C-alpha atoms as a PDB file:
ATOM      1  CA  MET A   1       2.321  -8.373  10.253  1.00  0.00           C
ATOM      2  CA  ARG A   2      -0.544  -9.228  12.583  1.00  0.00           C
ATOM      3  CA  ALA A   3      -2.225  -5.893  11.859  1.00  0.00           C
ATOM      4  CA  LEU A   4      -1.908  -6.450   8.092  1.00  0.00           C
ATOM      5  CA  ARG A   5      -3.394  -9.938   8.397  1.00  0.00           C
ATOM      6  CA  ARG A   6      -6.247  -8.675  10.606  1.00  0.00           C
ATOM      7  CA  GLU A   7      -7.110  -5.741   8.322  1.00  0.00           C
ATOM      8  CA  LEU A   8      -7.167  -7.805   5.135  1.00  0.00           C
ATOM      9  CA  ARG A   9      -9.318 -10.402   6.877  1.00  0.00           C
ATOM     10  CA  GLU A  10     -11.719  -7.842   8.352  1.00  0.00           C
ATOM     11  CA  GLU A  11     -12.045  -5.572   5.318  1.00  0.00           C
ATOM     12  CA  LEU A  12     -11.804  -7.970   2.357  1.00  0.00           C
ATOM     13  CA  SER A  13     -12.226 -11.465   3.839  1.00  0.00           C
ATOM     14  CA  PHE A  14      -8.758 -12.276   2.512  1.00  0.00           C
ATOM     15  CA  GLU A  15      -6.310 -14.663   4.159  1.00  0.00           C
ATOM     16  CA  PHE A  16      -2.828 -14.404   2.680  1.00  0.00           C
ATOM     17  CA  THR A  17      -0.003 -16.897   2.901  1.00  0.00           C
ATOM     18  CA  ASP A  18       2.811 -14.609   1.828  1.00  0.00           C
ATOM     19  CA  ALA A  19       3.638 -10.965   2.539  1.00  0.00           C
ATOM     20  CA  ARG A  20       6.942  -9.232   2.017  1.00  0.00           C
ATOM     21  CA  PHE A  21       8.034  -6.002   3.654  1.00  0.00           C
ATOM     22  CA  PHE A  22       8.525  -3.340   0.986  1.00  0.00           C
ATOM     23  CA  ILE A  23       9.296   0.013   2.587  1.00  0.00           C
ATOM     24  CA  GLU A  24       8.830   2.119   5.700  1.00  0.00           C
ATOM     25  CA  LEU A  25       8.396   5.857   5.396  1.00  0.00           C
ATOM     26  CA  GLU A  26       8.989   8.214   8.304  1.00  0.00           C
ATOM     27  CA  PHE A  27       7.455  11.653   8.521  1.00  0.00           C
ATOM     28  CA  ASP A  28       9.073  13.912  11.083  1.00  0.00           C
ATOM     29  CA  LEU A  29       6.615  16.758  11.587  1.00  0.00           C
ATOM     30  CA  ALA A  30       8.394  18.317  14.571  1.00  0.00           C
ATOM     31  CA  GLY A  31       8.845  21.529  12.588  1.00  0.00           C
ATOM     32  CA  LEU A  32       5.051  21.813  12.601  1.00  0.00           C
ATOM     33  CA  GLY A  33       4.822  21.079  16.313  1.00  0.00           C
ATOM     34  CA  LEU A  34       3.652  17.523  15.602  1.00  0.00           C
ATOM     35  CA  ASP A  35       5.053  14.059  16.197  1.00  0.00           C
ATOM     36  CA  ARG A  36       6.807  11.559  13.959  1.00  0.00           C
ATOM     37  CA  TYR A  37       4.628   9.224  11.950  1.00  0.00           C
ATOM     38  CA  TYR A  38       5.548   5.969  10.276  1.00  0.00           C
ATOM     39  CA  ARG A  39       3.901   4.036   7.473  1.00  0.00           C
ATOM     40  CA  LYS A  40       4.929   0.512   6.562  1.00  0.00           C
ATOM     41  CA  TYR A  41       4.107  -0.992   3.179  1.00  0.00           C
ATOM     42  CA  TYR A  42       4.008  -4.671   2.317  1.00  0.00           C
ATOM     43  CA  LEU A  43       3.663  -6.581  -0.939  1.00  0.00           C
ATOM     44  CA  VAL A  44       0.981  -9.255  -0.759  1.00  0.00           C
ATOM     45  CA  PRO A  45       0.805 -11.444  -3.873  1.00  0.00           C
ATOM     46  CA  MET A  46      -2.719 -12.277  -4.993  1.00  0.00           C
ATOM     47  CA  THR A  47      -3.983 -14.360  -7.891  1.00  0.00           C
ATOM     48  CA  PHE A  48      -6.845 -13.258 -10.140  1.00  0.00           C
ATOM     49  CA  ALA A  49      -8.913 -16.080  -8.633  1.00  0.00           C
ATOM     50  CA  GLU A  50      -8.265 -14.652  -5.160  1.00  0.00           C
ATOM     51  CA  VAL A  51      -9.245 -11.167  -6.337  1.00  0.00           C
ATOM     52  CA  ASP A  52     -12.528 -12.611  -7.642  1.00  0.00           C
ATOM     53  CA  CYS A  53     -13.222 -14.093  -4.192  1.00  0.00           C
ATOM     54  CA  LEU A  54     -12.670 -10.877  -2.227  1.00  0.00           C
ATOM     55  CA  ARG A  55     -15.703  -9.789  -0.245  1.00  0.00           C
ATOM     56  CA  LEU A  56     -15.924  -6.198   0.938  1.00  0.00           C
ATOM     57  CA  THR A  57     -16.982  -6.093   4.589  1.00  0.00           C
ATOM     58  CA  GLU A  58     -16.049  -2.474   5.387  1.00  0.00           C
ATOM     59  CA  GLY A  59     -16.255   0.623   3.220  1.00  0.00           C
ATOM     60  CA  VAL A  60     -18.355   1.388   0.168  1.00  0.00           C
ATOM     61  CA  LYS A  61     -16.532  -0.324  -2.698  1.00  0.00           C
ATOM     62  CA  PHE A  62     -13.142  -1.497  -3.882  1.00  0.00           C
ATOM     63  CA  ALA A  63     -11.415  -1.923  -7.210  1.00  0.00           C
ATOM     64  CA  ALA A  64      -8.060  -3.039  -8.554  1.00  0.00           C
ATOM     65  CA  PHE A  65      -5.932  -0.791 -10.775  1.00  0.00           C
ATOM     66  CA  ASP A  66      -2.586  -1.027 -12.487  1.00  0.00           C
ATOM     67  CA  GLY A  67       0.212   1.261 -11.319  1.00  0.00           C
ATOM     68  CA  ASP A  68      -0.038   3.661 -14.267  1.00  0.00           C
ATOM     69  CA  THR A  69      -3.744   4.256 -13.641  1.00  0.00           C
ATOM     70  CA  MET A  70      -3.184   4.740  -9.935  1.00  0.00           C
ATOM     71  CA  LEU A  71      -0.345   7.212 -10.438  1.00  0.00           C
ATOM     72  CA  GLY A  72      -1.974   9.031 -13.318  1.00  0.00           C
ATOM     73  CA  SER A  73      -5.637   9.457 -12.548  1.00  0.00           C
ATOM     74  CA  LEU A  74      -6.535   8.521  -8.979  1.00  0.00           C
ATOM     75  CA  ASP A  75      -6.589  10.900  -6.040  1.00  0.00           C
ATOM     76  CA  LEU A  76      -4.167   9.207  -3.641  1.00  0.00           C
ATOM     77  CA  SER A  77      -2.706  10.494  -0.408  1.00  0.00           C
ATOM     78  CA  PRO A  78       0.793  11.856  -1.112  1.00  0.00           C
ATOM     79  CA  TYR A  79       2.590   9.246   1.005  1.00  0.00           C
ATOM     80  CA  ASP A  80       0.663   6.362  -0.567  1.00  0.00           C
ATOM     81  CA  ALA A  81       1.355   7.794  -4.031  1.00  0.00           C
ATOM     82  CA  PHE A  82       5.078   7.991  -3.202  1.00  0.00           C
ATOM     83  CA  ALA A  83       5.172   4.369  -1.999  1.00  0.00           C
ATOM     84  CA  LEU A  84       3.367   3.294  -5.166  1.00  0.00           C
ATOM     85  CA  PHE A  85       5.795   5.317  -7.293  1.00  0.00           C
ATOM     86  CA  LEU A  86       8.722   3.569  -5.584  1.00  0.00           C
ATOM     87  CA  HIS A  87       7.166   0.203  -6.298  1.00  0.00           C
ATOM     88  CA  ALA A  88       6.205   0.925  -9.899  1.00  0.00           C
ATOM     89  CA  ARG A  89       9.096   3.129 -10.938  1.00  0.00           C
ATOM     90  CA  GLY A  90      11.784   2.721  -8.317  1.00  0.00           C
ATOM     91  CA  PHE A  91      14.218   1.853 -11.103  1.00  0.00           C
ATOM     92  CA  ARG A  92      14.266   5.597 -11.898  1.00  0.00           C
ATOM     93  CA  ILE A  93      15.992   6.316  -8.596  1.00  0.00           C
ATOM     94  CA  ALA A  94      19.714   5.733  -8.914  1.00  0.00           C
ATOM     95  CA  LYS A  95      22.380   5.700  -6.259  1.00  0.00           C
ATOM     96  CA  HIS A  96      24.753   8.605  -6.676  1.00  0.00           C
ATOM     97  CA  VAL A  97      28.408   7.736  -6.314  1.00  0.00           C
END
């Protein structure tokens, strides 16, 4: 959580009060002669007023998109796209009995 807080502060000048763990993905690349990698995703609620106050301090630009736009027309890394899919459309995944 400290890393999330630090990155949002450093990159967008954003201080959040609430963050909820969403999912952790593990990539075992041993079959490729590589290590295991983990990515953790958190949900950080933000008001429109807070979005308007964001100040980019690293990178070139930033923008906000809805889930459909992100999944349909943006070039996302596969693991980020999968996490977004789970958030936006996780209801499509059913437990098999």
